[in-house]
Amino acid sequence: MVGSPSTVPVPVPSPRRPPVPGDGGRQSRHRLCRRHWYENELGWATVPGAPVRLVVGRHFDVLDVPAEAGRAALRHLGPGSPVALRGDRMRLLMAAGSAEELPGLLEWLEWGPSALGLDLVALGAGALMDAPPPPGAGPLGPRPVSPGRSGSQGAAVWLRPPGSACEVEASLPTLSAVGAGGGTPDLVRLVDTVATHVHRIRLRRACAQPFPFHEGPAQAPDQPLAFS
């Protein structure tokens, strides 16, 4: 049969959607935003790799203490003094160089040999600190937690997030603030309060431990009792 050949419609594939990034892509963007916030907004150095970690000792040092003791010392900090939480530990940011002053400061406060058993960790030059997510909701991380709550066991969060770079420098506790007045927090009062509460926690835990029961030697049934 002569005629025009029949045309069979060829299905045209629909346009491909752009690939949706997985969790790895989102995490990379979050880390990039976090790193950008610390380096550009605050001027704090970070180290390459994941998780994002801050370089300690340049702009600030860190006093790592039990969260219970740290909460008791919050009254000695300024409203803009940065404080972070990680699980049952609290990290109080203090002026750079303060970590080197801590042993001598505890001795001056007459803690003596008791200071060796205090659950205090000072992080100074050469140390690193996990960078909590910047404050605010959304992809950058959670909002700051309330003072009565603890951070999650796996990640650090800001209890009191840092403000601008100028505000942070003026809000860090320092040894030079002793008797100087003004709004700079006093490092001596901060350390003395923290050490006192850490010592109380240690005593409370020691008292909560059951006393060991030592059984004396067995006495023969026919042996007379001796009284004095």
C-alpha atoms as a PDB file:
ATOM      1  CA  MET A   1       0.000   0.000   0.000  1.00  0.00           C
ATOM      2  CA  VAL A   2       1.289   3.335  -1.049  1.00  0.00           C
ATOM      3  CA  GLY A   3       0.935   6.187   1.386  1.00  0.00           C
ATOM      4  CA  SER A   4       2.727   8.141   4.083  1.00  0.00           C
ATOM      5  CA  PRO A   5       4.349   5.947   6.668  1.00  0.00           C
ATOM      6  CA  SER A   6       2.714   5.913  10.056  1.00  0.00           C
ATOM      7  CA  THR A   7       4.639   7.742  12.754  1.00  0.00           C
ATOM      8  CA  VAL A   8       5.024   6.174  16.139  1.00  0.00           C
ATOM      9  CA  PRO A   9       5.278   8.779  18.923  1.00  0.00           C
ATOM     10  CA  VAL A  10       8.571   8.570  20.749  1.00  0.00           C
ATOM     11  CA  PRO A  11       8.289   9.325  24.480  1.00  0.00           C
ATOM     12  CA  VAL A  12      10.313  12.322  25.527  1.00  0.00           C
ATOM     13  CA  PRO A  13      11.933  11.958  28.955  1.00  0.00           C
ATOM     14  CA  SER A  14      10.929  14.551  31.486  1.00  0.00           C
ATOM     15  CA  PRO A  15      13.593  17.039  32.573  1.00  0.00           C
ATOM     16  CA  ARG A  16      15.844  15.705  35.298  1.00  0.00           C
ATOM     17  CA  ARG A  17      15.594  17.349  38.670  1.00  0.00           C
ATOM     18  CA  PRO A  18      18.778  18.658  40.191  1.00  0.00           C
ATOM     19  CA  PRO A  19      20.222  16.232  42.725  1.00  0.00           C
ATOM     20  CA  VAL A  20      19.109  16.818  46.269  1.00  0.00           C
ATOM     21  CA  PRO A  21      22.111  17.011  48.557  1.00  0.00           C
ATOM     22  CA  GLY A  22      22.179  14.392  51.258  1.00  0.00           C
ATOM     23  CA  ASP A  23      23.072  14.739  54.887  1.00  0.00           C
ATOM     24  CA  GLY A  24      26.742  14.980  53.988  1.00  0.00           C
ATOM     25  CA  GLY A  25      26.119  18.057  51.855  1.00  0.00           C
ATOM     26  CA  ARG A  26      24.039  19.755  54.525  1.00  0.00           C
ATOM     27  CA  GLN A  27      26.612  19.015  57.187  1.00  0.00           C
ATOM     28  CA  SER A  28      29.344  20.486  54.993  1.00  0.00           C
ATOM     29  CA  ARG A  29      27.351  23.692  54.509  1.00  0.00           C
ATOM     30  CA  HIS A  30      26.654  23.918  58.232  1.00  0.00           C
ATOM     31  CA  ARG A  31      30.342  23.529  59.038  1.00  0.00           C
ATOM     32  CA  LEU A  32      31.226  26.155  56.438  1.00  0.00           C
ATOM     33  CA  CYS A  33      28.718  28.621  57.909  1.00  0.00           C
ATOM     34  CA  ARG A  34      29.943  27.874  61.423  1.00  0.00           C
ATOM     35  CA  ARG A  35      33.575  28.364  60.475  1.00  0.00           C
ATOM     36  CA  HIS A  36      32.745  31.589  58.598  1.00  0.00           C
ATOM     37  CA  TRP A  37      30.896  32.992  61.624  1.00  0.00           C
ATOM     38  CA  TYR A  38      33.779  32.407  64.025  1.00  0.00           C
ATOM     39  CA  GLU A  39      36.550  33.563  61.704  1.00  0.00           C
ATOM     40  CA  ASN A  40      34.822  36.583  60.145  1.00  0.00           C
ATOM     41  CA  GLU A  41      32.405  37.789  62.822  1.00  0.00           C
ATOM     42  CA  LEU A  42      34.588  37.174  65.893  1.00  0.00           C
ATOM     43  CA  GLY A  43      38.070  36.907  64.407  1.00  0.00           C
ATOM     44  CA  TRP A  44      38.672  33.553  66.143  1.00  0.00           C
ATOM     45  CA  ALA A  45      40.956  31.102  64.373  1.00  0.00           C
ATOM     46  CA  THR A  46      39.795  27.565  63.576  1.00  0.00           C
ATOM     47  CA  VAL A  47      41.675  24.465  62.445  1.00  0.00           C
ATOM     48  CA  PRO A  48      40.868  22.517  59.260  1.00  0.00           C
ATOM     49  CA  GLY A  49      38.751  19.387  59.414  1.00  0.00           C
ATOM     50  CA  ALA A  50      35.585  18.230  61.107  1.00  0.00           C
ATOM     51  CA  PRO A  51      34.252  18.983  63.615  1.00  0.00           C
ATOM     52  CA  VAL A  52      34.988  22.697  63.645  1.00  0.00           C
ATOM     53  CA  ARG A  53      37.401  23.460  66.480  1.00  0.00           C
ATOM     54  CA  LEU A  54      38.588  26.788  67.847  1.00  0.00           C
ATOM     55  CA  VAL A  55      42.203  27.677  68.585  1.00  0.00           C
ATOM     56  CA  VAL A  56      42.594  28.443  72.300  1.00  0.00           C
ATOM     57  CA  GLY A  57      45.201  30.816  73.706  1.00  0.00           C
ATOM     58  CA  ARG A  58      45.108  33.608  71.132  1.00  0.00           C
ATOM     59  CA  HIS A  59      41.951  35.515  72.002  1.00  0.00           C
ATOM     60  CA  PHE A  60      40.758  33.530  75.021  1.00  0.00           C
ATOM     61  CA  ASP A  61      41.557  30.659  77.392  1.00  0.00           C
ATOM     62  CA  VAL A  62      39.041  28.148  78.757  1.00  0.00           C
ATOM     63  CA  LEU A  63      38.234  26.946  82.277  1.00  0.00           C
ATOM     64  CA  ASP A  64      36.527  23.533  82.019  1.00  0.00           C
ATOM     65  CA  VAL A  65      34.566  22.669  85.191  1.00  0.00           C
ATOM     66  CA  PRO A  66      31.565  20.569  86.283  1.00  0.00           C
ATOM     67  CA  ALA A  67      28.360  22.268  85.176  1.00  0.00           C
ATOM     68  CA  GLU A  68      27.060  22.404  88.755  1.00  0.00           C
ATOM     69  CA  ALA A  69      30.098  24.374  89.908  1.00  0.00           C
ATOM     70  CA  GLY A  70      30.035  26.576  86.832  1.00  0.00           C
ATOM     71  CA  ARG A  71      26.431  27.638  87.410  1.00  0.00           C
ATOM     72  CA  ALA A  72      27.341  28.849  90.892  1.00  0.00           C
ATOM     73  CA  ALA A  73      30.004  31.119  89.378  1.00  0.00           C
ATOM     74  CA  LEU A  74      27.862  32.714  86.669  1.00  0.00           C
ATOM     75  CA  ARG A  75      27.106  35.658  88.952  1.00  0.00           C
ATOM     76  CA  HIS A  76      30.771  36.693  88.737  1.00  0.00           C
ATOM     77  CA  LEU A  77      30.607  36.998  84.946  1.00  0.00           C
ATOM     78  CA  GLY A  78      29.385  39.862  82.850  1.00  0.00           C
ATOM     79  CA  PRO A  79      26.217  39.603  80.750  1.00  0.00           C
ATOM     80  CA  GLY A  80      28.346  39.228  77.622  1.00  0.00           C
ATOM     81  CA  SER A  81      30.837  36.681  79.007  1.00  0.00           C
ATOM     82  CA  PRO A  82      30.721  33.581  76.755  1.00  0.00           C
ATOM     83  CA  VAL A  83      29.885  30.265  78.441  1.00  0.00           C
ATOM     84  CA  ALA A  84      29.496  26.896  76.689  1.00  0.00           C
ATOM     85  CA  LEU A  85      28.011  23.575  77.809  1.00  0.00           C
ATOM     86  CA  ARG A  86      28.890  20.054  76.780  1.00  0.00           C
ATOM     87  CA  GLY A  87      27.087  17.336  78.682  1.00  0.00           C
ATOM     88  CA  ASP A  88      27.782  17.781  82.392  1.00  0.00           C
ATOM     89  CA  ARG A  89      30.769  20.083  81.771  1.00  0.00           C
ATOM     90  CA  MET A  90      30.764  23.867  81.535  1.00  0.00           C
ATOM     91  CA  ARG A  91      33.397  25.878  79.695  1.00  0.00           C
ATOM     92  CA  LEU A  92      33.984  29.389  80.983  1.00  0.00           C
ATOM     93  CA  LEU A  93      35.938  31.586  78.596  1.00  0.00           C
ATOM     94  CA  MET A  94      38.561  33.799  80.250  1.00  0.00           C
ATOM     95  CA  ALA A  95      41.246  36.195  79.056  1.00  0.00           C
ATOM     96  CA  ALA A  96      44.164  34.768  77.095  1.00  0.00           C
ATOM     97  CA  GLY A  97      47.036  33.818  79.401  1.00  0.00           C
ATOM     98  CA  SER A  98      44.762  33.028  82.358  1.00  0.00           C
ATOM     99  CA  ALA A  99      45.417  29.284  82.109  1.00  0.00           C
ATOM    100  CA  GLU A 100      49.061  29.851  83.053  1.00  0.00           C
ATOM    101  CA  GLU A 101      47.975  31.907  86.070  1.00  0.00           C
ATOM    102  CA  LEU A 102      45.627  29.241  87.469  1.00  0.00           C
ATOM    103  CA  PRO A 103      48.143  27.146  89.508  1.00  0.00           C
ATOM    104  CA  GLY A 104      49.616  30.215  91.195  1.00  0.00           C
ATOM    105  CA  LEU A 105      46.157  31.681  91.743  1.00  0.00           C
ATOM    106  CA  LEU A 106      44.925  28.532  93.502  1.00  0.00           C
ATOM    107  CA  GLU A 107      48.015  28.583  95.711  1.00  0.00           C
ATOM    108  CA  TRP A 108      47.454  32.268  96.519  1.00  0.00           C
ATOM    109  CA  LEU A 109      43.866  31.408  97.466  1.00  0.00           C
ATOM    110  CA  GLU A 110      45.371  28.919  99.966  1.00  0.00           C
ATOM    111  CA  TRP A 111      44.015  25.772  98.386  1.00  0.00           C
ATOM    112  CA  GLY A 112      47.429  24.163  98.755  1.00  0.00           C
ATOM    113  CA  PRO A 113      47.631  20.392  98.106  1.00  0.00           C
ATOM    114  CA  SER A 114      43.826  20.226  97.876  1.00  0.00           C
ATOM    115  CA  ALA A 115      44.050  21.913  94.478  1.00  0.00           C
ATOM    116  CA  LEU A 116      45.589  18.752  93.007  1.00  0.00           C
ATOM    117  CA  GLY A 117      42.311  16.876  93.426  1.00  0.00           C
ATOM    118  CA  LEU A 118      40.041  19.619  92.106  1.00  0.00           C
ATOM    119  CA  ASP A 119      38.126  18.792  88.944  1.00  0.00           C
ATOM    120  CA  LEU A 120      39.343  21.893  87.102  1.00  0.00           C
ATOM    121  CA  VAL A 121      40.931  21.886  83.647  1.00  0.00           C
ATOM    122  CA  ALA A 122      42.522  25.045  82.246  1.00  0.00           C
ATOM    123  CA  LEU A 123      42.999  25.150  78.468  1.00  0.00           C
ATOM    124  CA  GLY A 124      45.547  27.632  77.167  1.00  0.00           C
ATOM    125  CA  ALA A 125      47.934  28.090  74.259  1.00  0.00           C
ATOM    126  CA  GLY A 126      48.129  25.025  72.024  1.00  0.00           C
ATOM    127  CA  ALA A 127      44.728  23.628  73.054  1.00  0.00           C
ATOM    128  CA  LEU A 128      41.594  23.297  70.930  1.00  0.00           C
ATOM    129  CA  MET A 129      37.915  23.675  71.790  1.00  0.00           C
ATOM    130  CA  ASP A 130      34.950  22.231  69.898  1.00  0.00           C
ATOM    131  CA  ALA A 131      33.056  25.127  68.319  1.00  0.00           C
ATOM    132  CA  PRO A 132      29.387  25.220  69.381  1.00  0.00           C
ATOM    133  CA  PRO A 133      26.871  26.136  66.664  1.00  0.00           C
ATOM    134  CA  PRO A 134      26.336  29.893  66.335  1.00  0.00           C
ATOM    135  CA  PRO A 135      23.283  31.207  68.203  1.00  0.00           C
ATOM    136  CA  GLY A 136      19.919  31.195  66.494  1.00  0.00           C
ATOM    137  CA  ALA A 137      17.444  28.692  65.116  1.00  0.00           C
ATOM    138  CA  GLY A 138      17.559  27.001  61.736  1.00  0.00           C
ATOM    139  CA  PRO A 139      20.435  25.261  59.982  1.00  0.00           C
ATOM    140  CA  LEU A 140      23.120  27.031  61.965  1.00  0.00           C
ATOM    141  CA  GLY A 141      22.205  25.267  65.169  1.00  0.00           C
ATOM    142  CA  PRO A 142      20.061  25.398  68.278  1.00  0.00           C
ATOM    143  CA  ARG A 143      19.230  28.401  70.358  1.00  0.00           C
ATOM    144  CA  PRO A 144      21.217  28.987  73.557  1.00  0.00           C
ATOM    145  CA  VAL A 145      20.110  26.675  76.364  1.00  0.00           C
ATOM    146  CA  SER A 146      18.829  27.870  79.721  1.00  0.00           C
ATOM    147  CA  PRO A 147      21.175  27.855  82.751  1.00  0.00           C
ATOM    148  CA  GLY A 148      19.282  25.002  84.416  1.00  0.00           C
ATOM    149  CA  ARG A 149      19.734  22.585  81.526  1.00  0.00           C
ATOM    150  CA  SER A 150      22.735  20.627  80.325  1.00  0.00           C
ATOM    151  CA  GLY A 151      23.964  20.345  76.772  1.00  0.00           C
ATOM    152  CA  SER A 152      23.777  17.120  74.840  1.00  0.00           C
ATOM    153  CA  GLN A 153      26.478  14.561  75.529  1.00  0.00           C
ATOM    154  CA  GLY A 154      27.817  14.652  71.977  1.00  0.00           C
ATOM    155  CA  ALA A 155      27.923  18.342  71.072  1.00  0.00           C
ATOM    156  CA  ALA A 156      28.771  21.640  72.713  1.00  0.00           C
ATOM    157  CA  VAL A 157      26.165  24.422  72.848  1.00  0.00           C
ATOM    158  CA  TRP A 158      26.290  28.031  73.950  1.00  0.00           C
ATOM    159  CA  LEU A 159      24.745  28.855  77.302  1.00  0.00           C
ATOM    160  CA  ARG A 160      25.823  32.473  76.807  1.00  0.00           C
ATOM    161  CA  PRO A 161      26.921  33.014  73.197  1.00  0.00           C
ATOM    162  CA  PRO A 162      29.609  35.573  72.346  1.00  0.00           C
ATOM    163  CA  GLY A 163      28.609  38.919  70.891  1.00  0.00           C
ATOM    164  CA  SER A 164      30.831  41.057  68.714  1.00  0.00           C
ATOM    165  CA  ALA A 165      34.613  40.774  68.868  1.00  0.00           C
ATOM    166  CA  CYS A 166      34.954  44.009  70.872  1.00  0.00           C
ATOM    167  CA  GLU A 167      32.308  42.952  73.389  1.00  0.00           C
ATOM    168  CA  VAL A 168      33.927  39.553  73.917  1.00  0.00           C
ATOM    169  CA  GLU A 169      37.376  40.951  74.688  1.00  0.00           C
ATOM    170  CA  ALA A 170      35.968  43.258  77.377  1.00  0.00           C
ATOM    171  CA  SER A 171      33.772  40.560  78.947  1.00  0.00           C
ATOM    172  CA  LEU A 172      36.445  37.912  79.615  1.00  0.00           C
ATOM    173  CA  PRO A 173      37.484  37.418  83.265  1.00  0.00           C
ATOM    174  CA  THR A 174      41.051  38.561  83.863  1.00  0.00           C
ATOM    175  CA  LEU A 175      43.494  38.744  86.746  1.00  0.00           C
ATOM    176  CA  SER A 176      44.129  42.428  86.088  1.00  0.00           C
ATOM    177  CA  ALA A 177      40.507  43.210  87.007  1.00  0.00           C
ATOM    178  CA  VAL A 178      41.173  42.602  90.725  1.00  0.00           C
ATOM    179  CA  GLY A 179      40.255  45.821  92.534  1.00  0.00           C
ATOM    180  CA  ALA A 180      40.122  47.755  89.275  1.00  0.00           C
ATOM    181  CA  GLY A 181      36.364  48.253  89.214  1.00  0.00           C
ATOM    182  CA  GLY A 182      34.586  48.755  85.929  1.00  0.00           C
ATOM    183  CA  GLY A 183      32.712  46.042  84.111  1.00  0.00           C
ATOM    184  CA  THR A 184      35.513  43.511  83.567  1.00  0.00           C
ATOM    185  CA  PRO A 185      34.851  40.261  85.502  1.00  0.00           C
ATOM    186  CA  ASP A 186      37.269  39.381  88.288  1.00  0.00           C
ATOM    187  CA  LEU A 187      39.127  36.115  87.617  1.00  0.00           C
ATOM    188  CA  VAL A 188      40.026  35.672  91.307  1.00  0.00           C
ATOM    189  CA  ARG A 189      36.398  35.604  92.464  1.00  0.00           C
ATOM    190  CA  LEU A 190      35.455  33.338  89.581  1.00  0.00           C
ATOM    191  CA  VAL A 191      38.170  30.763  90.342  1.00  0.00           C
ATOM    192  CA  ASP A 192      37.583  30.886  94.111  1.00  0.00           C
ATOM    193  CA  THR A 193      33.844  30.256  93.686  1.00  0.00           C
ATOM    194  CA  VAL A 194      34.365  27.442  91.192  1.00  0.00           C
ATOM    195  CA  ALA A 195      37.039  25.760  93.338  1.00  0.00           C
ATOM    196  CA  THR A 196      34.826  25.947  96.437  1.00  0.00           C
ATOM    197  CA  HIS A 197      31.878  24.282  94.713  1.00  0.00           C
ATOM    198  CA  VAL A 198      34.076  21.656  93.046  1.00  0.00           C
ATOM    199  CA  HIS A 199      35.432  20.793  96.500  1.00  0.00           C
ATOM    200  CA  ARG A 200      31.885  20.509  97.875  1.00  0.00           C
ATOM    201  CA  ILE A 201      30.919  18.190  95.032  1.00  0.00           C
ATOM    202  CA  ARG A 202      33.926  15.996  95.801  1.00  0.00           C
ATOM    203  CA  LEU A 203      33.045  15.830  99.517  1.00  0.00           C
ATOM    204  CA  ARG A 204      29.406  15.043  98.768  1.00  0.00           C
ATOM    205  CA  ARG A 205      30.367  12.188  96.482  1.00  0.00           C
ATOM    206  CA  ALA A 206      32.826  10.850  99.045  1.00  0.00           C
ATOM    207  CA  CYS A 207      30.147  10.867 101.762  1.00  0.00           C
ATOM    208  CA  ALA A 208      27.728   9.077  99.447  1.00  0.00           C
ATOM    209  CA  GLN A 209      30.114   6.140  99.044  1.00  0.00           C
ATOM    210  CA  PRO A 210      29.230   3.153 101.281  1.00  0.00           C
ATOM    211  CA  PHE A 211      31.754   2.414 103.997  1.00  0.00           C
ATOM    212  CA  PRO A 212      33.605  -0.866 103.435  1.00  0.00           C
ATOM    213  CA  PHE A 213      32.608  -3.592 105.897  1.00  0.00           C
ATOM    214  CA  HIS A 214      35.565  -5.471 107.301  1.00  0.00           C
ATOM    215  CA  GLU A 215      34.653  -8.737 108.950  1.00  0.00           C
ATOM    216  CA  GLY A 216      36.871  -9.571 111.903  1.00  0.00           C
ATOM    217  CA  PRO A 217      38.392 -12.967 112.630  1.00  0.00           C
ATOM    218  CA  ALA A 218      35.948 -15.665 113.615  1.00  0.00           C
ATOM    219  CA  GLN A 219      35.755 -16.340 117.352  1.00  0.00           C
ATOM    220  CA  ALA A 220      35.790 -19.858 118.707  1.00  0.00           C
ATOM    221  CA  PRO A 221      32.389 -20.812 120.192  1.00  0.00           C
ATOM    222  CA  ASP A 222      33.881 -21.896 123.551  1.00  0.00           C
ATOM    223  CA  GLN A 223      36.243 -18.941 123.885  1.00  0.00           C
ATOM    224  CA  PRO A 224      35.221 -16.661 126.802  1.00  0.00           C
ATOM    225  CA  LEU A 225      34.497 -13.036 126.021  1.00  0.00           C
ATOM    226  CA  ALA A 226      36.987 -10.494 127.291  1.00  0.00           C
ATOM    227  CA  PHE A 227      35.769  -7.206 128.725  1.00  0.00           C
ATOM    228  CA  SER A 228      37.895  -4.270 129.661  1.00  0.00           C
END
